[in-house]
Amino acid sequence: MSPTYRRTRSRGGVGYSGVTGYAACVIPWIIFALVVVPLVVVSFVATRRRTAAGEHPASEDAEARARTEQEFAEAEAYEATWREEDKERHRQERFP
């Protein structure tokens, strides 16, 4: 028998029952699955909602939202050009 099992007498008094040892090993995992996992899921969903609400506040009008989207588009375009320049610079550094 495994050392994690508790040795208790079976009903007939002969041998040992592994059921109590098995239950002692499994019950904490069941509690973990039923308590901790849902708490992690709920906290993840709450964090995502808070992040989404922070990106576009409720008081933001259509003009401010369009300006924000335009700024993001400009930033992405700049990032794309920067990456192309960086690739070229990296290639020149490797092969002079």
PDB file of N, CA and C in Angstrom:
ATOM      1  N   MET A   1       0.832  -1.185   0.000  1.00  0.00           N
ATOM      2  CA  MET A   1       0.000   0.000   0.000  1.00  0.00           C
ATOM      3  C   MET A   1       0.875   1.247   0.000  1.00  0.00           C
ATOM      4  N   SER A   2       0.307   2.302  -0.513  1.00  0.00           N
ATOM      5  CA  SER A   2       1.023   3.571  -0.569  1.00  0.00           C
ATOM      6  C   SER A   2       1.124   4.169   0.828  1.00  0.00           C
ATOM      7  N   PRO A   3       2.180   4.913   1.124  1.00  0.00           N
ATOM      8  CA  PRO A   3       2.329   5.492   2.461  1.00  0.00           C
ATOM      9  C   PRO A   3       1.314   6.592   2.750  1.00  0.00           C
ATOM     10  N   THR A   4       0.589   7.090   1.725  1.00  0.00           N
ATOM     11  CA  THR A   4      -0.389   8.155   1.966  1.00  0.00           C
ATOM     12  C   THR A   4      -1.719   7.608   2.478  1.00  0.00           C
ATOM     13  N   TYR A   5      -1.935   6.312   2.344  1.00  0.00           N
ATOM     14  CA  TYR A   5      -3.190   5.735   2.815  1.00  0.00           C
ATOM     15  C   TYR A   5      -3.159   5.557   4.321  1.00  0.00           C
ATOM     16  N   ARG A   6      -4.268   5.815   4.941  1.00  0.00           N
ATOM     17  CA  ARG A   6      -4.384   5.536   6.370  1.00  0.00           C
ATOM     18  C   ARG A   6      -4.867   4.102   6.523  1.00  0.00           C
ATOM     19  N   ARG A   7      -4.285   3.444   7.431  1.00  0.00           N
ATOM     20  CA  ARG A   7      -4.682   2.051   7.610  1.00  0.00           C
ATOM     21  C   ARG A   7      -5.775   1.960   8.659  1.00  0.00           C
ATOM     22  N   THR A   8      -6.942   1.585   8.199  1.00  0.00           N
ATOM     23  CA  THR A   8      -8.062   1.364   9.115  1.00  0.00           C
ATOM     24  C   THR A   8      -8.578  -0.040   8.873  1.00  0.00           C
ATOM     25  N   ARG A   9      -9.093  -0.601   9.918  1.00  0.00           N
ATOM     26  CA  ARG A   9      -9.619  -1.966   9.809  1.00  0.00           C
ATOM     27  C   ARG A   9     -10.888  -1.970   8.971  1.00  0.00           C
ATOM     28  N   SER A  10     -11.022  -2.978   8.119  1.00  0.00           N
ATOM     29  CA  SER A  10     -12.247  -3.129   7.350  1.00  0.00           C
ATOM     30  C   SER A  10     -13.327  -3.720   8.248  1.00  0.00           C
ATOM     31  N   ARG A  11     -14.526  -3.880   7.750  1.00  0.00           N
ATOM     32  CA  ARG A  11     -15.658  -4.340   8.567  1.00  0.00           C
ATOM     33  C   ARG A  11     -15.431  -5.726   9.157  1.00  0.00           C
ATOM     34  N   GLY A  12     -14.836  -6.577   8.399  1.00  0.00           N
ATOM     35  CA  GLY A  12     -14.620  -7.933   8.876  1.00  0.00           C
ATOM     36  C   GLY A  12     -13.484  -8.040   9.871  1.00  0.00           C
ATOM     37  N   GLY A  13     -12.722  -6.997  10.015  1.00  0.00           N
ATOM     38  CA  GLY A  13     -11.605  -7.011  10.941  1.00  0.00           C
ATOM     39  C   GLY A  13     -10.344  -7.579  10.338  1.00  0.00           C
ATOM     40  N   VAL A  14     -10.430  -8.053   9.106  1.00  0.00           N
ATOM     41  CA  VAL A  14      -9.266  -8.626   8.450  1.00  0.00           C
ATOM     42  C   VAL A  14      -8.829  -7.665   7.336  1.00  0.00           C
ATOM     43  N   GLY A  15      -7.581  -7.327   7.276  1.00  0.00           N
ATOM     44  CA  GLY A  15      -7.070  -6.454   6.217  1.00  0.00           C
ATOM     45  C   GLY A  15      -7.340  -4.984   6.525  1.00  0.00           C
ATOM     46  N   TYR A  16      -6.999  -4.150   5.571  1.00  0.00           N
ATOM     47  CA  TYR A  16      -7.162  -2.714   5.733  1.00  0.00           C
ATOM     48  C   TYR A  16      -7.954  -2.154   4.564  1.00  0.00           C
ATOM     49  N   SER A  17      -8.683  -1.088   4.812  1.00  0.00           N
ATOM     50  CA  SER A  17      -9.483  -0.444   3.779  1.00  0.00           C
ATOM     51  C   SER A  17      -8.741   0.788   3.267  1.00  0.00           C
ATOM     52  N   GLY A  18      -8.610   0.939   1.962  1.00  0.00           N
ATOM     53  CA  GLY A  18      -7.947   2.091   1.367  1.00  0.00           C
ATOM     54  C   GLY A  18      -8.910   3.231   1.075  1.00  0.00           C
ATOM     55  N   VAL A  19     -10.195   3.024   1.370  1.00  0.00           N
ATOM     56  CA  VAL A  19     -11.202   4.036   1.040  1.00  0.00           C
ATOM     57  C   VAL A  19     -10.973   5.314   1.822  1.00  0.00           C
ATOM     58  N   THR A  20     -10.709   5.240   3.097  1.00  0.00           N
ATOM     59  CA  THR A  20     -10.514   6.452   3.889  1.00  0.00           C
ATOM     60  C   THR A  20      -9.247   7.182   3.454  1.00  0.00           C
ATOM     61  N   GLY A  21      -8.235   6.440   3.088  1.00  0.00           N
ATOM     62  CA  GLY A  21      -7.007   7.071   2.598  1.00  0.00           C
ATOM     63  C   GLY A  21      -7.231   7.758   1.269  1.00  0.00           C
ATOM     64  N   TYR A  22      -8.003   7.120   0.397  1.00  0.00           N
ATOM     65  CA  TYR A  22      -8.318   7.696  -0.904  1.00  0.00           C
ATOM     66  C   TYR A  22      -9.164   8.957  -0.738  1.00  0.00           C
ATOM     67  N   ALA A  23     -10.153   8.904   0.124  1.00  0.00           N
ATOM     68  CA  ALA A  23     -11.013  10.063   0.373  1.00  0.00           C
ATOM     69  C   ALA A  23     -10.206  11.206   0.979  1.00  0.00           C
ATOM     70  N   ALA A  24      -9.270  10.895   1.838  1.00  0.00           N
ATOM     71  CA  ALA A  24      -8.454  11.932   2.453  1.00  0.00           C
ATOM     72  C   ALA A  24      -7.577  12.625   1.410  1.00  0.00           C
ATOM     73  N   CYS A  25      -7.205  11.925   0.376  1.00  0.00           N
ATOM     74  CA  CYS A  25      -6.391  12.523  -0.679  1.00  0.00           C
ATOM     75  C   CYS A  25      -7.230  13.295  -1.689  1.00  0.00           C
ATOM     76  N   VAL A  26      -8.463  12.871  -1.921  1.00  0.00           N
ATOM     77  CA  VAL A  26      -9.291  13.451  -2.979  1.00  0.00           C
ATOM     78  C   VAL A  26     -10.109  14.644  -2.499  1.00  0.00           C
ATOM     79  N   ILE A  27     -10.576  14.633  -1.271  1.00  0.00           N
ATOM     80  CA  ILE A  27     -11.455  15.699  -0.773  1.00  0.00           C
ATOM     81  C   ILE A  27     -10.823  17.085  -0.878  1.00  0.00           C
ATOM     82  N   PRO A  28      -9.569  17.294  -0.544  1.00  0.00           N
ATOM     83  CA  PRO A  28      -8.998  18.642  -0.727  1.00  0.00           C
ATOM     84  C   PRO A  28      -9.010  19.105  -2.183  1.00  0.00           C
ATOM     85  N   TRP A  29      -8.811  18.188  -3.120  1.00  0.00           N
ATOM     86  CA  TRP A  29      -8.848  18.563  -4.531  1.00  0.00           C
ATOM     87  C   TRP A  29     -10.258  18.924  -4.976  1.00  0.00           C
ATOM     88  N   ILE A  30     -11.249  18.240  -4.440  1.00  0.00           N
ATOM     89  CA  ILE A  30     -12.639  18.569  -4.765  1.00  0.00           C
ATOM     90  C   ILE A  30     -12.978  19.957  -4.221  1.00  0.00           C
ATOM     91  N   ILE A  31     -12.572  20.231  -2.990  1.00  0.00           N
ATOM     92  CA  ILE A  31     -12.809  21.552  -2.404  1.00  0.00           C
ATOM     93  C   ILE A  31     -12.103  22.621  -3.235  1.00  0.00           C
ATOM     94  N   PHE A  32     -10.886  22.345  -3.652  1.00  0.00           N
ATOM     95  CA  PHE A  32     -10.136  23.281  -4.486  1.00  0.00           C
ATOM     96  C   PHE A  32     -10.892  23.565  -5.783  1.00  0.00           C
ATOM     97  N   ALA A  33     -11.397  22.516  -6.420  1.00  0.00           N
ATOM     98  CA  ALA A  33     -12.112  22.682  -7.687  1.00  0.00           C
ATOM     99  C   ALA A  33     -13.415  23.441  -7.511  1.00  0.00           C
ATOM    100  N   LEU A  34     -14.090  23.243  -6.403  1.00  0.00           N
ATOM    101  CA  LEU A  34     -15.395  23.873  -6.202  1.00  0.00           C
ATOM    102  C   LEU A  34     -15.313  25.283  -5.626  1.00  0.00           C
ATOM    103  N   VAL A  35     -14.198  25.669  -5.032  1.00  0.00           N
ATOM    104  CA  VAL A  35     -14.095  26.985  -4.396  1.00  0.00           C
ATOM    105  C   VAL A  35     -13.100  27.883  -5.119  1.00  0.00           C
ATOM    106  N   VAL A  36     -11.891  27.436  -5.285  1.00  0.00           N
ATOM    107  CA  VAL A  36     -10.829  28.291  -5.800  1.00  0.00           C
ATOM    108  C   VAL A  36     -10.993  28.568  -7.295  1.00  0.00           C
ATOM    109  N   VAL A  37     -11.292  27.552  -8.078  1.00  0.00           N
ATOM    110  CA  VAL A  37     -11.404  27.746  -9.523  1.00  0.00           C
ATOM    111  C   VAL A  37     -12.501  28.753  -9.878  1.00  0.00           C
ATOM    112  N   PRO A  38     -13.714  28.653  -9.330  1.00  0.00           N
ATOM    113  CA  PRO A  38     -14.719  29.688  -9.644  1.00  0.00           C
ATOM    114  C   PRO A  38     -14.294  31.086  -9.190  1.00  0.00           C
ATOM    115  N   LEU A  39     -13.595  31.199  -8.070  1.00  0.00           N
ATOM    116  CA  LEU A  39     -13.122  32.512  -7.624  1.00  0.00           C
ATOM    117  C   LEU A  39     -12.127  33.108  -8.618  1.00  0.00           C
ATOM    118  N   VAL A  40     -11.259  32.300  -9.154  1.00  0.00           N
ATOM    119  CA  VAL A  40     -10.299  32.782 -10.144  1.00  0.00           C
ATOM    120  C   VAL A  40     -11.019  33.220 -11.415  1.00  0.00           C
ATOM    121  N   VAL A  41     -11.998  32.453 -11.845  1.00  0.00           N
ATOM    122  CA  VAL A  41     -12.758  32.806 -13.052  1.00  0.00           C
ATOM    123  C   VAL A  41     -13.507  34.119 -12.849  1.00  0.00           C
ATOM    124  N   VAL A  42     -14.159  34.282 -11.719  1.00  0.00           N
ATOM    125  CA  VAL A  42     -14.911  35.509 -11.443  1.00  0.00           C
ATOM    126  C   VAL A  42     -13.971  36.709 -11.386  1.00  0.00           C
ATOM    127  N   SER A  43     -12.822  36.573 -10.769  1.00  0.00           N
ATOM    128  CA  SER A  43     -11.879  37.696 -10.697  1.00  0.00           C
ATOM    129  C   SER A  43     -11.339  38.041 -12.084  1.00  0.00           C
ATOM    130  N   PHE A  44     -11.117  37.051 -12.922  1.00  0.00           N
ATOM    131  CA  PHE A  44     -10.658  37.302 -14.284  1.00  0.00           C
ATOM    132  C   PHE A  44     -11.707  38.085 -15.075  1.00  0.00           C
ATOM    133  N   VAL A  45     -12.969  37.680 -14.972  1.00  0.00           N
ATOM    134  CA  VAL A  45     -14.046  38.369 -15.691  1.00  0.00           C
ATOM    135  C   VAL A  45     -14.188  39.800 -15.185  1.00  0.00           C
ATOM    136  N   ALA A  46     -14.103  40.002 -13.885  1.00  0.00           N
ATOM    137  CA  ALA A  46     -14.219  41.347 -13.329  1.00  0.00           C
ATOM    138  C   ALA A  46     -13.075  42.233 -13.797  1.00  0.00           C
ATOM    139  N   THR A  47     -11.883  41.691 -13.876  1.00  0.00           N
ATOM    140  CA  THR A  47     -10.730  42.458 -14.348  1.00  0.00           C
ATOM    141  C   THR A  47     -10.895  42.846 -15.811  1.00  0.00           C
ATOM    142  N   ARG A  48     -11.384  41.927 -16.621  1.00  0.00           N
ATOM    143  CA  ARG A  48     -11.600  42.230 -18.041  1.00  0.00           C
ATOM    144  C   ARG A  48     -12.643  43.324 -18.207  1.00  0.00           C
ATOM    145  N   ARG A  49     -13.714  43.275 -17.434  1.00  0.00           N
ATOM    146  CA  ARG A  49     -14.754  44.312 -17.527  1.00  0.00           C
ATOM    147  C   ARG A  49     -14.197  45.662 -17.116  1.00  0.00           C
ATOM    148  N   ARG A  50     -13.409  45.691 -16.062  1.00  0.00           N
ATOM    149  CA  ARG A  50     -12.840  46.945 -15.581  1.00  0.00           C
ATOM    150  C   ARG A  50     -11.895  47.522 -16.636  1.00  0.00           C
ATOM    151  N   THR A  51     -11.106  46.676 -17.285  1.00  0.00           N
ATOM    152  CA  THR A  51     -10.185  47.138 -18.315  1.00  0.00           C
ATOM    153  C   THR A  51     -10.952  47.700 -19.509  1.00  0.00           C
ATOM    154  N   ALA A  52     -11.987  46.995 -19.939  1.00  0.00           N
ATOM    155  CA  ALA A  52     -12.782  47.460 -21.070  1.00  0.00           C
ATOM    156  C   ALA A  52     -13.483  48.776 -20.739  1.00  0.00           C
ATOM    157  N   ALA A  53     -13.967  48.917 -19.525  1.00  0.00           N
ATOM    158  CA  ALA A  53     -14.634  50.155 -19.122  1.00  0.00           C
ATOM    159  C   ALA A  53     -13.631  51.299 -19.032  1.00  0.00           C
ATOM    160  N   GLY A  54     -12.401  51.027 -18.679  1.00  0.00           N
ATOM    161  CA  GLY A  54     -11.384  52.065 -18.568  1.00  0.00           C
ATOM    162  C   GLY A  54     -10.920  52.585 -19.910  1.00  0.00           C
ATOM    163  N   GLU A  55     -10.985  51.744 -20.951  1.00  0.00           N
ATOM    164  CA  GLU A  55     -10.556  52.182 -22.270  1.00  0.00           C
ATOM    165  C   GLU A  55     -11.513  53.206 -22.868  1.00  0.00           C
ATOM    166  N   HIS A  56     -12.791  53.026 -22.649  1.00  0.00           N
ATOM    167  CA  HIS A  56     -13.801  53.944 -23.165  1.00  0.00           C
ATOM    168  C   HIS A  56     -14.741  54.323 -22.028  1.00  0.00           C
ATOM    169  N   PRO A  57     -14.473  55.428 -21.349  1.00  0.00           N
ATOM    170  CA  PRO A  57     -15.350  55.840 -20.253  1.00  0.00           C
ATOM    171  C   PRO A  57     -16.769  56.122 -20.736  1.00  0.00           C
ATOM    172  N   ALA A  58     -17.727  56.006 -19.839  1.00  0.00           N
ATOM    173  CA  ALA A  58     -19.127  56.207 -20.198  1.00  0.00           C
ATOM    174  C   ALA A  58     -19.398  57.645 -20.627  1.00  0.00           C
ATOM    175  N   SER A  59     -18.649  58.599 -20.103  1.00  0.00           N
ATOM    176  CA  SER A  59     -18.867  60.002 -20.441  1.00  0.00           C
ATOM    177  C   SER A  59     -18.230  60.396 -21.769  1.00  0.00           C
ATOM    178  N   GLU A  60     -17.581  59.467 -22.441  1.00  0.00           N
ATOM    179  CA  GLU A  60     -16.893  59.755 -23.695  1.00  0.00           C
ATOM    180  C   GLU A  60     -17.901  59.890 -24.827  1.00  0.00           C
ATOM    181  N   ASP A  61     -17.819  60.975 -25.600  1.00  0.00           N
ATOM    182  CA  ASP A  61     -18.740  61.169 -26.720  1.00  0.00           C
ATOM    183  C   ASP A  61     -18.144  60.581 -27.997  1.00  0.00           C
ATOM    184  N   ALA A  62     -18.876  60.649 -29.077  1.00  0.00           N
ATOM    185  CA  ALA A  62     -18.451  60.037 -30.339  1.00  0.00           C
ATOM    186  C   ALA A  62     -17.179  60.689 -30.867  1.00  0.00           C
ATOM    187  N   GLU A  63     -17.059  62.010 -30.699  1.00  0.00           N
ATOM    188  CA  GLU A  63     -15.876  62.708 -31.190  1.00  0.00           C
ATOM    189  C   GLU A  63     -14.615  62.261 -30.442  1.00  0.00           C
ATOM    190  N   ALA A  64     -14.704  62.146 -29.134  1.00  0.00           N
ATOM    191  CA  ALA A  64     -13.559  61.707 -28.339  1.00  0.00           C
ATOM    192  C   ALA A  64     -13.197  60.266 -28.660  1.00  0.00           C
ATOM    193  N   ARG A  65     -14.206  59.446 -28.878  1.00  0.00           N
ATOM    194  CA  ARG A  65     -13.950  58.047 -29.231  1.00  0.00           C
ATOM    195  C   ARG A  65     -13.256  57.966 -30.590  1.00  0.00           C
ATOM    196  N   ALA A  66     -13.703  58.763 -31.550  1.00  0.00           N
ATOM    197  CA  ALA A  66     -13.079  58.767 -32.878  1.00  0.00           C
ATOM    198  C   ALA A  66     -11.632  59.260 -32.779  1.00  0.00           C
ATOM    199  N   ARG A  67     -11.383  60.276 -31.942  1.00  0.00           N
ATOM    200  CA  ARG A  67     -10.032  60.787 -31.766  1.00  0.00           C
ATOM    201  C   ARG A  67      -9.123  59.709 -31.155  1.00  0.00           C
ATOM    202  N   THR A  68      -9.651  58.984 -30.189  1.00  0.00           N
ATOM    203  CA  THR A  68      -8.877  57.907 -29.567  1.00  0.00           C
ATOM    204  C   THR A  68      -8.544  56.826 -30.584  1.00  0.00           C
ATOM    205  N   GLU A  69      -9.526  56.447 -31.393  1.00  0.00           N
ATOM    206  CA  GLU A  69      -9.291  55.427 -32.411  1.00  0.00           C
ATOM    207  C   GLU A  69      -8.268  55.917 -33.436  1.00  0.00           C
ATOM    208  N   GLN A  70      -8.336  57.207 -33.799  1.00  0.00           N
ATOM    209  CA  GLN A  70      -7.381  57.777 -34.744  1.00  0.00           C
ATOM    210  C   GLN A  70      -5.965  57.742 -34.164  1.00  0.00           C
ATOM    211  N   GLU A  71      -5.833  58.066 -32.881  1.00  0.00           N
ATOM    212  CA  GLU A  71      -4.518  58.020 -32.235  1.00  0.00           C
ATOM    213  C   GLU A  71      -3.960  56.613 -32.216  1.00  0.00           C
ATOM    214  N   PHE A  72      -4.821  55.618 -31.957  1.00  0.00           N
ATOM    215  CA  PHE A  72      -4.371  54.230 -31.985  1.00  0.00           C
ATOM    216  C   PHE A  72      -3.925  53.841 -33.388  1.00  0.00           C
ATOM    217  N   ALA A  73      -4.676  54.255 -34.397  1.00  0.00           N
ATOM    218  CA  ALA A  73      -4.315  53.926 -35.780  1.00  0.00           C
ATOM    219  C   ALA A  73      -2.981  54.559 -36.146  1.00  0.00           C
ATOM    220  N   GLU A  74      -2.770  55.830 -35.753  1.00  0.00           N
ATOM    221  CA  GLU A  74      -1.489  56.487 -36.026  1.00  0.00           C
ATOM    222  C   GLU A  74      -0.339  55.775 -35.316  1.00  0.00           C
ATOM    223  N   ALA A  75      -0.568  55.366 -34.082  1.00  0.00           N
ATOM    224  CA  ALA A  75       0.467  54.665 -33.331  1.00  0.00           C
ATOM    225  C   ALA A  75       0.812  53.332 -33.984  1.00  0.00           C
ATOM    226  N   GLU A  76      -0.184  52.610 -34.456  1.00  0.00           N
ATOM    227  CA  GLU A  76       0.071  51.331 -35.121  1.00  0.00           C
ATOM    228  C   GLU A  76       0.819  51.535 -36.430  1.00  0.00           C
ATOM    229  N   ALA A  77       0.472  52.594 -37.183  1.00  0.00           N
ATOM    230  CA  ALA A  77       1.178  52.887 -38.430  1.00  0.00           C
ATOM    231  C   ALA A  77       2.635  53.231 -38.144  1.00  0.00           C
ATOM    232  N   TYR A  78       2.869  54.037 -37.112  1.00  0.00           N
ATOM    233  CA  TYR A  78       4.242  54.389 -36.741  1.00  0.00           C
ATOM    234  C   TYR A  78       5.022  53.144 -36.337  1.00  0.00           C
ATOM    235  N   GLU A  79       4.362  52.264 -35.585  1.00  0.00           N
ATOM    236  CA  GLU A  79       5.033  51.038 -35.150  1.00  0.00           C
ATOM    237  C   GLU A  79       5.416  50.178 -36.348  1.00  0.00           C
ATOM    238  N   ALA A  80       4.538  50.098 -37.355  1.00  0.00           N
ATOM    239  CA  ALA A  80       4.837  49.298 -38.543  1.00  0.00           C
ATOM    240  C   ALA A  80       6.039  49.867 -39.293  1.00  0.00           C
ATOM    241  N   THR A  81       6.085  51.209 -39.453  1.00  0.00           N
ATOM    242  CA  THR A  81       7.234  51.799 -40.146  1.00  0.00           C
ATOM    243  C   THR A  81       8.510  51.621 -39.322  1.00  0.00           C
ATOM    244  N   TRP A  82       8.416  51.739 -38.023  1.00  0.00           N
ATOM    245  CA  TRP A  82       9.581  51.567 -37.171  1.00  0.00           C
ATOM    246  C   TRP A  82      10.129  50.146 -37.286  1.00  0.00           C
ATOM    247  N   ARG A  83       9.220  49.170 -37.328  1.00  0.00           N
ATOM    248  CA  ARG A  83       9.671  47.771 -37.457  1.00  0.00           C
ATOM    249  C   ARG A  83      10.390  47.539 -38.777  1.00  0.00           C
ATOM    250  N   GLU A  84       9.855  48.132 -39.858  1.00  0.00           N
ATOM    251  CA  GLU A  84      10.517  47.976 -41.156  1.00  0.00           C
ATOM    252  C   GLU A  84      11.915  48.599 -41.122  1.00  0.00           C
ATOM    253  N   GLU A  85      12.027  49.781 -40.529  1.00  0.00           N
ATOM    254  CA  GLU A  85      13.336  50.425 -40.420  1.00  0.00           C
ATOM    255  C   GLU A  85      14.285  49.604 -39.540  1.00  0.00           C
ATOM    256  N   ASP A  86      13.741  49.035 -38.487  1.00  0.00           N
ATOM    257  CA  ASP A  86      14.562  48.231 -37.583  1.00  0.00           C
ATOM    258  C   ASP A  86      15.042  46.964 -38.279  1.00  0.00           C
ATOM    259  N   LYS A  87      14.182  46.362 -39.100  1.00  0.00           N
ATOM    260  CA  LYS A  87      14.602  45.177 -39.856  1.00  0.00           C
ATOM    261  C   LYS A  87      15.750  45.529 -40.782  1.00  0.00           C
ATOM    262  N   GLU A  88      15.626  46.664 -41.478  1.00  0.00           N
ATOM    263  CA  GLU A  88      16.672  47.090 -42.393  1.00  0.00           C
ATOM    264  C   GLU A  88      17.968  47.376 -41.645  1.00  0.00           C
ATOM    265  N   ARG A  89      17.869  48.063 -40.511  1.00  0.00           N
ATOM    266  CA  ARG A  89      19.057  48.376 -39.718  1.00  0.00           C
ATOM    267  C   ARG A  89      19.703  47.087 -39.201  1.00  0.00           C
ATOM    268  N   HIS A  90      18.877  46.155 -38.767  1.00  0.00           N
ATOM    269  CA  HIS A  90      19.403  44.885 -38.260  1.00  0.00           C
ATOM    270  C   HIS A  90      20.117  44.119 -39.370  1.00  0.00           C
ATOM    271  N   ARG A  91      19.536  44.122 -40.558  1.00  0.00           N
ATOM    272  CA  ARG A  91      20.144  43.429 -41.702  1.00  0.00           C
ATOM    273  C   ARG A  91      21.490  44.071 -42.044  1.00  0.00           C
ATOM    274  N   GLN A  92      21.573  45.402 -41.988  1.00  0.00           N
ATOM    275  CA  GLN A  92      22.832  46.088 -42.296  1.00  0.00           C
ATOM    276  C   GLN A  92      23.889  45.802 -41.239  1.00  0.00           C
ATOM    277  N   GLU A  93      23.467  45.644 -39.973  1.00  0.00           N
ATOM    278  CA  GLU A  93      24.426  45.337 -38.926  1.00  0.00           C
ATOM    279  C   GLU A  93      24.974  43.921 -39.062  1.00  0.00           C
ATOM    280  N   ARG A  94      24.150  43.007 -39.523  1.00  0.00           N
ATOM    281  CA  ARG A  94      24.598  41.619 -39.653  1.00  0.00           C
ATOM    282  C   ARG A  94      25.487  41.440 -40.862  1.00  0.00           C
ATOM    283  N   PHE A  95      25.124  42.106 -41.972  1.00  0.00           N
ATOM    284  CA  PHE A  95      25.885  41.945 -43.225  1.00  0.00           C
ATOM    285  C   PHE A  95      26.413  43.306 -43.674  1.00  0.00           C
ATOM    286  N   PRO A  96      27.545  43.702 -43.198  1.00  0.00           N
ATOM    287  CA  PRO A  96      28.085  45.021 -43.586  1.00  0.00           C
ATOM    288  C   PRO A  96      28.558  45.068 -45.013  1.00  0.00           C
TER     289      PRO A  96
END
